[in-house]
C-alpha atoms as a PDB file:
ATOM      1  CA  MET A   1      91.887  99.331  59.959  1.00  0.00           C
ATOM      2  CA  HIS A   2      95.201  98.684  60.133  1.00  0.00           C
ATOM      3  CA  GLN A   3      94.918  96.741  57.531  1.00  0.00           C
ATOM      4  CA  VAL A   4      92.845  98.826  55.318  1.00  0.00           C
ATOM      5  CA  VAL A   5      95.359 101.655  56.127  1.00  0.00           C
ATOM      6  CA  GLN A   6      98.162  99.494  55.180  1.00  0.00           C
ATOM      7  CA  ALA A   7      96.778  98.786  51.491  1.00  0.00           C
ATOM      8  CA  VAL A   8      95.922 102.078  51.052  1.00  0.00           C
ATOM      9  CA  ILE A   9      99.520 102.855  51.527  1.00  0.00           C
ATOM     10  CA  LEU A  10     100.624  99.740  49.641  1.00  0.00           C
ATOM     11  CA  GLY A  11      97.611 101.133  46.945  1.00  0.00           C
ATOM     12  CA  VAL A  12      99.397 104.525  46.226  1.00  0.00           C
ATOM     13  CA  LEU A  13     102.669 103.539  45.977  1.00  0.00           C
ATOM     14  CA  ILE A  14     101.956 100.639  42.879  1.00  0.00           C
ATOM     15  CA  GLY A  15      99.202 103.433  42.014  1.00  0.00           C
ATOM     16  CA  GLY A  16     102.628 106.141  41.336  1.00  0.00           C
ATOM     17  CA  VAL A  17     104.565 103.920  39.091  1.00  0.00           C
ATOM     18  CA  TYR A  18     101.329 102.910  37.008  1.00  0.00           C
ATOM     19  CA  ALA A  19     100.890 106.483  36.502  1.00  0.00           C
ATOM     20  CA  LEU A  20     104.159 107.112  35.124  1.00  0.00           C
ATOM     21  CA  MET A  21     103.528 104.127  32.487  1.00  0.00           C
ATOM     22  CA  ALA A  22      99.662 105.747  31.786  1.00  0.00           C
ATOM     23  CA  SER A  23     101.385 109.172  31.565  1.00  0.00           C
ATOM     24  CA  GLY A  24     103.378 108.242  28.161  1.00  0.00           C
ATOM     25  CA  LEU A  25      99.514 106.655  27.092  1.00  0.00           C
ATOM     26  CA  THR A  26      97.395 109.850  27.579  1.00  0.00           C
ATOM     27  CA  LEU A  27     100.323 112.294  26.205  1.00  0.00           C
ATOM     28  CA  VAL A  28     100.427 110.220  22.690  1.00  0.00           C
ATOM     29  CA  PHE A  29      96.767 110.366  22.775  1.00  0.00           C
ATOM     30  CA  GLY A  30      96.311 114.114  23.234  1.00  0.00           C
ATOM     31  CA  ILE A  31      98.559 115.095  21.137  1.00  0.00           C
ATOM     32  CA  MET A  32      98.485 112.649  18.179  1.00  0.00           C
ATOM     33  CA  ARG A  33      95.079 111.024  18.840  1.00  0.00           C
ATOM     34  CA  VAL A  34      96.940 107.820  18.636  1.00  0.00           C
ATOM     35  CA  ILE A  35      96.157 105.125  20.634  1.00  0.00           C
ATOM     36  CA  ASN A  36      99.236 103.368  21.730  1.00  0.00           C
ATOM     37  CA  VAL A  37      98.405  99.939  22.999  1.00  0.00           C
ATOM     38  CA  ALA A  38     101.959  98.566  22.216  1.00  0.00           C
ATOM     39  CA  GLN A  39     102.429 100.821  25.832  1.00  0.00           C
ATOM     40  CA  GLY A  40     102.742  97.542  27.768  1.00  0.00           C
ATOM     41  CA  ALA A  41     105.073  95.987  25.726  1.00  0.00           C
ATOM     42  CA  LEU A  42     107.258  98.658  25.922  1.00  0.00           C
ATOM     43  CA  VAL A  43     107.194  98.392  29.736  1.00  0.00           C
ATOM     44  CA  ILE A  44     108.054  94.938  29.525  1.00  0.00           C
ATOM     45  CA  LEU A  45     110.678  95.290  26.842  1.00  0.00           C
ATOM     46  CA  ALA A  46     112.499  97.939  29.491  1.00  0.00           C
ATOM     47  CA  ALA A  47     111.606  95.560  32.425  1.00  0.00           C
ATOM     48  CA  TYR A  48     113.996  92.827  29.990  1.00  0.00           C
ATOM     49  CA  LEU A  49     116.228  95.306  28.938  1.00  0.00           C
ATOM     50  CA  SER A  50     116.869  96.369  32.912  1.00  0.00           C
ATOM     51  CA  TYR A  51     117.416  92.260  33.521  1.00  0.00           C
ATOM     52  CA  ALA A  52     119.909  91.694  31.211  1.00  0.00           C
ATOM     53  CA  LEU A  53     121.962  94.959  32.415  1.00  0.00           C
ATOM     54  CA  PHE A  54     121.031  93.487  35.973  1.00  0.00           C
ATOM     55  CA  SER A  55     122.356  89.940  35.281  1.00  0.00           C
ATOM     56  CA  HIS A  56     125.084  90.376  32.853  1.00  0.00           C
ATOM     57  CA  ALA A  57     126.485  93.322  33.850  1.00  0.00           C
ATOM     58  CA  HIS A  58     125.454  93.655  37.667  1.00  0.00           C
ATOM     59  CA  VAL A  59     124.017  97.128  36.934  1.00  0.00           C
ATOM     60  CA  ASP A  60     121.501  98.373  39.750  1.00  0.00           C
ATOM     61  CA  PRO A  61     117.582  98.601  37.959  1.00  0.00           C
ATOM     62  CA  PHE A  62     117.356 102.150  39.495  1.00  0.00           C
ATOM     63  CA  LEU A  63     120.597 102.956  37.824  1.00  0.00           C
ATOM     64  CA  SER A  64     119.722 100.981  34.381  1.00  0.00           C
ATOM     65  CA  VAL A  65     117.178 103.634  33.798  1.00  0.00           C
ATOM     66  CA  LEU A  66     119.518 106.226  33.232  1.00  0.00           C
ATOM     67  CA  VAL A  67     120.276 103.184  30.222  1.00  0.00           C
ATOM     68  CA  VAL A  68     116.805 102.342  29.378  1.00  0.00           C
ATOM     69  CA  THR A  69     115.245 105.511  29.242  1.00  0.00           C
ATOM     70  CA  PRO A  70     117.145 107.085  26.715  1.00  0.00           C
ATOM     71  CA  ALA A  71     117.318 104.047  24.492  1.00  0.00           C
ATOM     72  CA  MET A  72     114.045 103.354  24.503  1.00  0.00           C
ATOM     73  CA  PHE A  73     113.132 107.120  23.998  1.00  0.00           C
ATOM     74  CA  VAL A  74     115.193 106.787  20.507  1.00  0.00           C
ATOM     75  CA  LEU A  75     113.069 103.627  19.758  1.00  0.00           C
ATOM     76  CA  GLY A  76     109.954 105.367  20.283  1.00  0.00           C
ATOM     77  CA  VAL A  77     111.157 108.292  17.634  1.00  0.00           C
ATOM     78  CA  LEU A  78     112.296 105.397  15.488  1.00  0.00           C
ATOM     79  CA  VAL A  79     108.770 103.577  15.332  1.00  0.00           C
ATOM     80  CA  GLN A  80     106.558 106.967  15.287  1.00  0.00           C
ATOM     81  CA  ILE A  81     108.723 108.043  12.099  1.00  0.00           C
ATOM     82  CA  VAL A  82     108.515 104.367  10.899  1.00  0.00           C
ATOM     83  CA  PHE A  83     105.330 103.117  11.644  1.00  0.00           C
ATOM     84  CA  VAL A  84     102.700 105.936  13.118  1.00  0.00           C
ATOM     85  CA  ARG A  85     103.790 109.346  10.921  1.00  0.00           C
ATOM     86  CA  SER A  86     102.170 107.776   7.994  1.00  0.00           C
ATOM     87  CA  LEU A  87      98.707 107.062   9.443  1.00  0.00           C
ATOM     88  CA  ARG A  88      96.571 110.253   8.089  1.00  0.00           C
ATOM     89  CA  GLY A  89      92.581 110.793   7.422  1.00  0.00           C
ATOM     90  CA  SER A  90      89.645 110.551   9.595  1.00  0.00           C
ATOM     91  CA  ASP A  91      90.300 106.770  10.452  1.00  0.00           C
ATOM     92  CA  SER A  92      94.037 107.402  11.650  1.00  0.00           C
ATOM     93  CA  GLU A  93      92.498 106.466  15.384  1.00  0.00           C
ATOM     94  CA  GLU A  94      91.670 103.279  14.481  1.00  0.00           C
ATOM     95  CA  LEU A  95      94.852 102.194  12.147  1.00  0.00           C
ATOM     96  CA  SER A  96      96.626 103.221  14.856  1.00  0.00           C
ATOM     97  CA  LEU A  97      95.093 100.767  17.311  1.00  0.00           C
ATOM     98  CA  LEU A  98      95.955  98.220  14.595  1.00  0.00           C
ATOM     99  CA  VAL A  99      99.357  99.297  14.046  1.00  0.00           C
ATOM    100  CA  THR A 100     100.653  99.232  17.678  1.00  0.00           C
ATOM    101  CA  TRP A 101      99.074  96.167  18.663  1.00  0.00           C
ATOM    102  CA  ALA A 102     101.176  94.568  15.937  1.00  0.00           C
ATOM    103  CA  LEU A 103     104.163  96.455  17.387  1.00  0.00           C
ATOM    104  CA  ALA A 104     103.354  94.842  21.037  1.00  0.00           C
ATOM    105  CA  LEU A 105     103.008  91.039  19.235  1.00  0.00           C
ATOM    106  CA  GLY A 106     106.059  91.798  17.373  1.00  0.00           C
ATOM    107  CA  ILE A 107     108.143  92.971  20.742  1.00  0.00           C
ATOM    108  CA  GLU A 108     106.182  89.837  22.273  1.00  0.00           C
ATOM    109  CA  GLY A 109     107.658  87.222  19.669  1.00  0.00           C
ATOM    110  CA  VAL A 110     111.137  88.769  19.575  1.00  0.00           C
ATOM    111  CA  LEU A 111     111.248  88.671  23.881  1.00  0.00           C
ATOM    112  CA  SER A 112     109.482  84.695  23.578  1.00  0.00           C
ATOM    113  CA  VAL A 113     112.785  83.726  21.097  1.00  0.00           C
ATOM    114  CA  ILE A 114     115.410  85.773  23.245  1.00  0.00           C
ATOM    115  CA  PHE A 115     114.332  84.707  27.042  1.00  0.00           C
ATOM    116  CA  LYS A 116     111.778  81.969  26.502  1.00  0.00           C
ATOM    117  CA  THR A 117     108.334  82.143  28.140  1.00  0.00           C
ATOM    118  CA  THR A 118     109.453  81.639  31.597  1.00  0.00           C
ATOM    119  CA  TYR A 119     108.813  84.173  34.621  1.00  0.00           C
ATOM    120  CA  ARG A 120     111.734  86.135  35.527  1.00  0.00           C
ATOM    121  CA  ALA A 121     112.434  88.737  37.972  1.00  0.00           C
ATOM    122  CA  THR A 122     115.712  91.428  39.095  1.00  0.00           C
ATOM    123  CA  SER A 123     116.220  90.661  42.150  1.00  0.00           C
ATOM    124  CA  PRO A 124     118.660  93.140  44.043  1.00  0.00           C
ATOM    125  CA  SER A 125     119.866  92.152  47.255  1.00  0.00           C
ATOM    126  CA  TYR A 126     117.457  94.958  48.612  1.00  0.00           C
ATOM    127  CA  ALA A 127     113.969  93.395  46.807  1.00  0.00           C
ATOM    128  CA  ASP A 128     112.803  92.307  49.895  1.00  0.00           C
ATOM    129  CA  ARG A 129     113.956  95.251  52.587  1.00  0.00           C
ATOM    130  CA  THR A 130     110.658  97.424  54.008  1.00  0.00           C
ATOM    131  CA  LEU A 131     110.620 100.080  56.173  1.00  0.00           C
ATOM    132  CA  THR A 132     108.604 100.445  59.248  1.00  0.00           C
ATOM    133  CA  VAL A 133     106.916 104.040  59.856  1.00  0.00           C
ATOM    134  CA  PHE A 134     104.202 104.279  62.929  1.00  0.00           C
ATOM    135  CA  GLY A 135     104.034 100.767  62.899  1.00  0.00           C
ATOM    136  CA  TYR A 136     103.376 100.411  58.983  1.00  0.00           C
ATOM    137  CA  GLN A 137     105.122  98.919  56.674  1.00  0.00           C
ATOM    138  CA  PHE A 138     106.867 100.235  53.074  1.00  0.00           C
ATOM    139  CA  GLY A 139     108.262  98.084  51.134  1.00  0.00           C
ATOM    140  CA  PHE A 140     111.976  99.724  50.074  1.00  0.00           C
ATOM    141  CA  VAL A 141     111.392  98.668  46.356  1.00  0.00           C
ATOM    142  CA  ARG A 142     107.759 100.122  45.864  1.00  0.00           C
ATOM    143  CA  LEU A 143     108.888 103.513  47.767  1.00  0.00           C
ATOM    144  CA  MET A 144     111.891 104.067  45.524  1.00  0.00           C
ATOM    145  CA  ALA A 145     109.862 103.486  42.802  1.00  0.00           C
ATOM    146  CA  PHE A 146     106.792 105.387  43.539  1.00  0.00           C
ATOM    147  CA  ILE A 147     109.683 108.524  44.285  1.00  0.00           C
ATOM    148  CA  LEU A 148     111.405 107.591  41.139  1.00  0.00           C
ATOM    149  CA  SER A 149     107.949 108.290  39.733  1.00  0.00           C
ATOM    150  CA  GLY A 150     107.097 111.044  41.406  1.00  0.00           C
ATOM    151  CA  VAL A 151     110.069 112.618  40.337  1.00  0.00           C
ATOM    152  CA  LEU A 152     109.631 111.928  36.799  1.00  0.00           C
ATOM    153  CA  LEU A 153     105.890 112.837  36.562  1.00  0.00           C
ATOM    154  CA  LEU A 154     107.364 116.402  38.277  1.00  0.00           C
ATOM    155  CA  LEU A 155     109.609 116.914  35.695  1.00  0.00           C
ATOM    156  CA  LEU A 156     107.376 115.568  32.692  1.00  0.00           C
ATOM    157  CA  SER A 157     104.933 118.679  34.320  1.00  0.00           C
ATOM    158  CA  LEU A 158     107.619 120.799  34.302  1.00  0.00           C
ATOM    159  CA  LEU A 159     108.872 120.289  30.791  1.00  0.00           C
ATOM    160  CA  LEU A 160     105.095 120.800  29.361  1.00  0.00           C
ATOM    161  CA  THR A 161     104.258 123.739  31.556  1.00  0.00           C
ATOM    162  CA  ARG A 162     107.696 125.696  31.440  1.00  0.00           C
ATOM    163  CA  THR A 163     109.633 125.206  28.157  1.00  0.00           C
ATOM    164  CA  ARG A 164     109.034 126.277  24.733  1.00  0.00           C
ATOM    165  CA  PHE A 165     108.493 122.644  23.534  1.00  0.00           C
ATOM    166  CA  GLY A 166     105.691 122.175  26.036  1.00  0.00           C
ATOM    167  CA  ARG A 167     104.220 125.091  24.792  1.00  0.00           C
ATOM    168  CA  ALA A 168     104.130 123.747  21.312  1.00  0.00           C
ATOM    169  CA  VAL A 169     103.172 120.593  22.705  1.00  0.00           C
ATOM    170  CA  ARG A 170      99.884 122.336  24.587  1.00  0.00           C
ATOM    171  CA  ALA A 171      99.234 124.095  21.437  1.00  0.00           C
ATOM    172  CA  THR A 172      98.828 121.187  19.571  1.00  0.00           C
ATOM    173  CA  VAL A 173      97.060 119.615  21.879  1.00  0.00           C
ATOM    174  CA  GLN A 174      94.554 122.390  22.231  1.00  0.00           C
ATOM    175  CA  ASN A 175      94.136 123.372  18.416  1.00  0.00           C
ATOM    176  CA  PRO A 176      96.734 121.676  15.723  1.00  0.00           C
ATOM    177  CA  THR A 177      95.620 123.376  12.874  1.00  0.00           C
ATOM    178  CA  ALA A 178      96.401 126.929  14.579  1.00  0.00           C
ATOM    179  CA  ALA A 179      99.320 125.879  16.276  1.00  0.00           C
ATOM    180  CA  THR A 180     100.894 124.754  12.707  1.00  0.00           C
ATOM    181  CA  LEU A 181      99.658 128.164  11.152  1.00  0.00           C
ATOM    182  CA  LEU A 182     101.783 129.858  14.105  1.00  0.00           C
ATOM    183  CA  GLY A 183     104.617 127.994  12.763  1.00  0.00           C
ATOM    184  CA  VAL A 184     105.061 124.914  15.485  1.00  0.00           C
ATOM    185  CA  ASP A 185     106.650 121.969  13.474  1.00  0.00           C
ATOM    186  CA  ALA A 186     103.720 119.549  14.271  1.00  0.00           C
ATOM    187  CA  ASN A 187     105.435 116.144  13.106  1.00  0.00           C
ATOM    188  CA  ARG A 188     108.710 117.203  15.063  1.00  0.00           C
ATOM    189  CA  VAL A 189     106.245 117.978  18.190  1.00  0.00           C
ATOM    190  CA  GLN A 190     104.478 114.333  17.435  1.00  0.00           C
ATOM    191  CA  THR A 191     107.996 112.424  17.190  1.00  0.00           C
ATOM    192  CA  LEU A 192     109.532 113.760  20.233  1.00  0.00           C
ATOM    193  CA  SER A 193     106.452 113.142  22.047  1.00  0.00           C
ATOM    194  CA  PHE A 194     106.232 109.498  21.517  1.00  0.00           C
ATOM    195  CA  GLY A 195     109.760 108.874  22.336  1.00  0.00           C
ATOM    196  CA  LEU A 196     109.282 111.209  25.583  1.00  0.00           C
ATOM    197  CA  GLY A 197     105.729 108.462  25.388  1.00  0.00           C
ATOM    198  CA  VAL A 198     107.822 105.856  25.279  1.00  0.00           C
ATOM    199  CA  SER A 199     110.870 106.688  27.271  1.00  0.00           C
ATOM    200  CA  MET A 200     108.336 106.948  30.444  1.00  0.00           C
ATOM    201  CA  ALA A 201     106.777 103.598  30.202  1.00  0.00           C
ATOM    202  CA  ALA A 202     110.981 102.647  30.140  1.00  0.00           C
ATOM    203  CA  ALA A 203     111.463 104.359  33.221  1.00  0.00           C
ATOM    204  CA  ALA A 204     108.754 102.626  35.511  1.00  0.00           C
ATOM    205  CA  GLY A 205     109.465  99.473  33.419  1.00  0.00           C
ATOM    206  CA  ALA A 206     113.419  99.095  34.096  1.00  0.00           C
ATOM    207  CA  VAL A 207     112.025  98.934  37.782  1.00  0.00           C
ATOM    208  CA  TYR A 208     108.775  96.856  37.213  1.00  0.00           C
ATOM    209  CA  GLY A 209     110.840  93.389  37.483  1.00  0.00           C
ATOM    210  CA  VAL A 210     111.711  94.086  40.765  1.00  0.00           C
ATOM    211  CA  ILE A 211     108.483  94.615  41.812  1.00  0.00           C
ATOM    212  CA  TYR A 212     106.567  91.998  39.758  1.00  0.00           C
ATOM    213  CA  PRO A 213     107.525  88.422  38.046  1.00  0.00           C
ATOM    214  CA  PHE A 214     107.315  89.059  34.277  1.00  0.00           C
ATOM    215  CA  ASN A 215     107.197  87.402  31.105  1.00  0.00           C
ATOM    216  CA  PRO A 216     106.868  88.335  27.499  1.00  0.00           C
ATOM    217  CA  GLY A 217     103.014  87.820  27.606  1.00  0.00           C
ATOM    218  CA  SER A 218     103.043  90.113  30.923  1.00  0.00           C
ATOM    219  CA  HIS A 219     101.870  93.055  28.391  1.00  0.00           C
ATOM    220  CA  TYR A 220      98.079  92.120  28.242  1.00  0.00           C
ATOM    221  CA  ASP A 221      97.400  92.398  31.620  1.00  0.00           C
ATOM    222  CA  LEU A 222      99.199  95.657  32.288  1.00  0.00           C
ATOM    223  CA  ILE A 223      97.916  97.152  28.894  1.00  0.00           C
ATOM    224  CA  SER A 224      94.126  96.898  30.349  1.00  0.00           C
ATOM    225  CA  ARG A 225      94.930  98.375  33.399  1.00  0.00           C
ATOM    226  CA  LEU A 226      96.805 101.275  31.630  1.00  0.00           C
ATOM    227  CA  LEU A 227      94.123 101.534  29.516  1.00  0.00           C
ATOM    228  CA  SER A 228      91.794 102.101  32.456  1.00  0.00           C
ATOM    229  CA  ILE A 229      93.601 104.371  33.848  1.00  0.00           C
ATOM    230  CA  VAL A 230      94.069 106.752  30.551  1.00  0.00           C
ATOM    231  CA  VAL A 231      90.043 106.638  30.224  1.00  0.00           C
ATOM    232  CA  LEU A 232      89.071 106.948  33.728  1.00  0.00           C
ATOM    233  CA  GLY A 233      90.913 110.125  33.893  1.00  0.00           C
ATOM    234  CA  GLY A 234      90.266 111.598  30.729  1.00  0.00           C
ATOM    235  CA  LEU A 235      91.967 110.412  27.270  1.00  0.00           C
ATOM    236  CA  GLY A 236      94.761 113.275  27.399  1.00  0.00           C
ATOM    237  CA  SER A 237      94.801 114.573  30.612  1.00  0.00           C
ATOM    238  CA  LEU A 238      98.000 113.707  32.494  1.00  0.00           C
ATOM    239  CA  GLY A 239      96.976 115.216  36.064  1.00  0.00           C
ATOM    240  CA  GLY A 240      93.936 112.428  35.306  1.00  0.00           C
ATOM    241  CA  ALA A 241      95.940 109.703  34.468  1.00  0.00           C
ATOM    242  CA  VAL A 242      97.975 110.217  37.792  1.00  0.00           C
ATOM    243  CA  VAL A 243      94.811 110.453  39.692  1.00  0.00           C
ATOM    244  CA  ALA A 244      92.946 107.731  37.695  1.00  0.00           C
ATOM    245  CA  ALA A 245      96.377 105.566  38.582  1.00  0.00           C
ATOM    246  CA  LEU A 246      95.925 106.300  42.366  1.00  0.00           C
ATOM    247  CA  VAL A 247      92.711 105.520  42.222  1.00  0.00           C
ATOM    248  CA  MET A 248      93.077 102.165  40.993  1.00  0.00           C
ATOM    249  CA  GLY A 249      95.993 101.198  42.862  1.00  0.00           C
ATOM    250  CA  ILE A 250      94.124 102.316  46.126  1.00  0.00           C
ATOM    251  CA  THR A 251      90.831 100.523  44.914  1.00  0.00           C
ATOM    252  CA  GLU A 252      93.019  97.208  43.527  1.00  0.00           C
ATOM    253  CA  ALA A 253      94.839  96.980  47.303  1.00  0.00           C
ATOM    254  CA  VAL A 254      92.237  97.667  49.423  1.00  0.00           C
ATOM    255  CA  VAL A 255      89.677  95.293  47.411  1.00  0.00           C
ATOM    256  CA  ALA A 256      92.301  92.472  48.083  1.00  0.00           C
ATOM    257  CA  VAL A 257      92.678  93.230  51.972  1.00  0.00           C
ATOM    258  CA  GLU A 258      89.053  93.275  52.511  1.00  0.00           C
ATOM    259  CA  TRP A 259      87.297  90.881  50.001  1.00  0.00           C
ATOM    260  CA  GLN A 260      89.729  88.565  47.929  1.00  0.00           C
ATOM    261  CA  PRO A 261      92.875  89.109  46.032  1.00  0.00           C
ATOM    262  CA  THR A 262      91.220  87.383  43.052  1.00  0.00           C
ATOM    263  CA  TRP A 263      88.376  90.333  42.879  1.00  0.00           C
ATOM    264  CA  ALA A 264      91.210  92.950  42.921  1.00  0.00           C
ATOM    265  CA  SER A 265      91.990  93.293  39.052  1.00  0.00           C
ATOM    266  CA  PHE A 266      87.915  92.991  38.190  1.00  0.00           C
ATOM    267  CA  SER A 267      87.639  96.310  40.642  1.00  0.00           C
ATOM    268  CA  TYR A 268      89.695  98.577  38.243  1.00  0.00           C
ATOM    269  CA  PHE A 269      86.546  97.927  35.920  1.00  0.00           C
ATOM    270  CA  VAL A 270      83.980  98.256  38.511  1.00  0.00           C
ATOM    271  CA  VAL A 271      85.001 101.432  39.213  1.00  0.00           C
ATOM    272  CA  LEU A 272      86.012 102.769  35.409  1.00  0.00           C
ATOM    273  CA  ILE A 273      81.921 101.829  34.450  1.00  0.00           C
ATOM    274  CA  ALA A 274      81.082 104.011  37.904  1.00  0.00           C
ATOM    275  CA  VAL A 275      82.699 106.856  37.362  1.00  0.00           C
ATOM    276  CA  LEU A 276      81.902 107.102  33.161  1.00  0.00           C
ATOM    277  CA  LEU A 277      77.925 106.448  33.966  1.00  0.00           C
ATOM    278  CA  VAL A 278      78.245 109.819  35.816  1.00  0.00           C
ATOM    279  CA  ARG A 279      81.142 111.449  33.949  1.00  0.00           C
ATOM    280  CA  PRO A 280      81.530 109.763  30.212  1.00  0.00           C
ATOM    281  CA  GLN A 281      84.459 111.970  29.876  1.00  0.00           C
ATOM    282  CA  GLY A 282      86.508 110.787  32.312  1.00  0.00           C
ATOM    283  CA  ILE A 283      87.241 112.685  35.701  1.00  0.00           C
ATOM    284  CA  PHE A 284      89.358 115.349  33.970  1.00  0.00           C
ATOM    285  CA  GLY A 285      88.306 115.184  30.123  1.00  0.00           C
ATOM    286  CA  VAL A 286      86.594 117.275  27.939  1.00  0.00           C
ATOM    287  CA  ARG A 287      83.727 116.388  26.315  1.00  0.00           C
ATOM    288  CA  GLU A 288      85.033 117.512  22.612  1.00  0.00           C
ATOM    289  CA  ARG A 289      87.803 118.598  21.288  1.00  0.00           C
ATOM    290  CA  ALA A 290      88.287 122.021  20.135  1.00  0.00           C
ATOM    291  CA  LEU A 291      88.488 122.370  16.300  1.00  0.00           C
END
């Protein structure tokens, strides 16, 4: 029983980080109907930026969030303007897959040239530190990453529910045509939202390298997990992404402890299929989008 509880704790901590990564993915889909399969590559890009800042400028990975996040926001805005904005028509969702997949491969190629394919890890002095509470261990880095993710997700939620921009975003999600007629600048909302989605990935990516070793190809496994989380939670649902990430994290950790670590990743897809058989739209998804 002790091992199971310890696994649940680990799963919650990791699930919080995955929730932050997936929040940007589900936000972009909800607003733009764009399936950004480059989200994993953007996380890895942010991990490399954080690694470079730590290695060459001795900037703490958690402090590097303050540098990496705004830089990646600007990159996200540019990507939306240059590559995504031109996608129009009934086949825009399918085209977004091709465009963002090409972007992911481009990022992987650039990183491979600059950093090679060797696995890297950001290793500050506290990387292996643990805290023990009531006999249960909390990895210091994972705990700090979870707190960071929780704070940023709370700020994102407040932005979407308490600000004028958030009202414009929610109006665009619910009925883009009506929102435009009421004076909402759809292009501006979409551009800023895409940048915001990328910045959420960047914040998680800045500390990702302290938790896991990574190389330019790490985005393949990462995007499969993020897509599973977004689909399980319900496409376009921020709350669903958070719940799904926690469910997936706990499931993976418990399976690794109770059965075998080799089955842990596969457990993602077992849970996904089981839920979709009962609720095809996901945990918090809706059956169809309002027209």
